[in-house]
Protein backbone atom coordinates (compact mmCIF):
# COMPACT_ATOMS: atom_id res chain seq x y z
CA MET A 1 -0.02 0.01 0.01
CA PRO A 2 1.19 3.56 -0.62
CA THR A 3 2.76 5.31 2.39
CA ALA A 4 3.20 8.96 3.05
CA ARG A 5 4.68 11.11 5.84
CA PHE A 6 2.85 14.41 6.65
CA VAL A 7 4.28 17.18 8.76
CA VAL A 8 1.49 19.46 10.04
CA ILE A 9 2.44 22.90 11.21
CA GLY A 10 0.32 25.39 13.10
CA LYS A 11 -1.72 25.20 16.37
CA VAL A 12 -1.80 21.43 16.30
CA GLN A 13 -0.72 20.43 19.79
CA GLY A 14 -3.01 20.41 22.75
CA VAL A 15 -6.12 20.54 20.55
CA PHE A 16 -6.86 16.80 20.12
CA TYR A 17 -5.21 16.85 16.73
CA ARG A 18 -3.55 13.35 17.07
CA ALA A 19 -6.66 11.67 18.53
CA SER A 20 -8.83 13.17 15.84
CA THR A 21 -6.35 12.16 13.16
CA ARG A 22 -6.47 8.59 14.48
CA GLU A 23 -10.29 8.55 14.25
CA GLN A 24 -10.23 9.89 10.68
CA ALA A 25 -7.46 7.52 9.60
CA LEU A 26 -9.36 4.50 10.94
CA ALA A 27 -12.53 5.62 9.27
CA LEU A 28 -10.63 5.79 5.92
CA GLY A 29 -8.90 2.40 6.43
CA VAL A 30 -5.46 4.01 6.97
CA SER A 31 -2.76 2.52 9.16
CA GLY A 32 0.09 4.41 10.84
CA HIS A 33 0.80 6.76 13.62
CA ALA A 34 0.60 10.47 14.66
CA GLU A 35 3.22 11.95 16.96
CA ASN A 36 4.01 15.36 18.40
CA ARG A 37 7.33 16.85 17.48
CA ARG A 38 9.50 19.00 19.63
CA ASP A 39 9.11 21.96 17.21
CA GLY A 40 5.34 22.03 17.93
CA SER A 41 4.31 20.29 14.74
CA VAL A 42 2.62 16.89 14.35
CA GLU A 43 4.10 14.09 12.13
CA VAL A 44 1.69 11.62 10.64
CA LEU A 45 2.99 8.41 8.95
CA ALA A 46 0.12 6.80 7.00
CA SER A 47 -0.30 3.83 4.82
CA GLY A 48 -3.42 3.09 2.75
CA SER A 49 -4.92 3.36 -0.71
CA ALA A 50 -3.90 6.42 -2.75
CA GLN A 51 -7.52 7.73 -2.42
CA ALA A 52 -7.56 7.28 1.30
CA LEU A 53 -4.16 9.09 1.74
CA ASP A 54 -5.47 11.95 -0.42
CA ALA A 55 -8.64 12.15 1.70
CA LEU A 56 -6.52 12.07 4.88
CA GLU A 57 -4.38 14.85 3.60
CA ARG A 58 -7.46 17.01 2.96
CA TRP A 59 -8.62 16.36 6.49
CA LEU A 60 -5.18 17.10 7.93
CA ARG A 61 -5.26 20.60 6.29
CA LYS A 62 -8.44 21.35 8.35
CA GLY A 63 -7.97 19.24 11.50
CA PRO A 64 -10.31 19.29 14.52
CA PRO A 65 -12.26 22.37 15.36
CA MET A 66 -9.72 23.85 17.83
CA ALA A 67 -6.77 23.35 15.49
CA ALA A 68 -5.35 26.13 13.24
CA VAL A 69 -3.31 24.38 10.56
CA ALA A 70 -0.87 26.67 8.72
CA THR A 71 0.81 24.13 6.39
CA VAL A 72 0.85 20.37 5.60
CA GLY A 73 3.99 18.93 4.02
CA ARG A 74 3.79 15.54 2.31
CA GLU A 75 6.52 13.10 1.45
CA ASP A 76 5.54 9.83 -0.46
CA LEU A 77 7.56 6.83 0.82
CA PRO A 78 8.04 3.18 -0.03
CA GLU A 79 5.53 0.77 1.49
CA GLN A 80 6.05 0.57 5.26
CA GLY A 81 3.76 -2.42 6.20
CA LEU A 82 2.03 -0.45 8.95
CA ARG A 83 -0.80 -1.95 11.02
CA GLY A 84 -3.39 -0.19 13.20
CA PHE A 85 -3.02 3.51 14.08
CA GLN A 86 -1.05 4.59 17.11
CA ILE A 87 -0.62 7.88 18.86
CA GLY A 88 2.74 8.72 20.22
């Protein structure tokens, strides 16, 4: 399955961004993880169909109601064989 790494910048920590990302990813059938980074951004590693990854990216650009997303970077990667969706 295609895999992508997203880096989400903005007000994305302390606003339930990772938990909401997990809910959205599972609804889309996407595996992976979401983790806070020291610089205040959130990194999302996701594996799923190309359509599901595109849908997740659209959602990441909005995020949950309390988030204020400034930018989302995307890097397409080789398949990672991820299972489930973890929050770190």
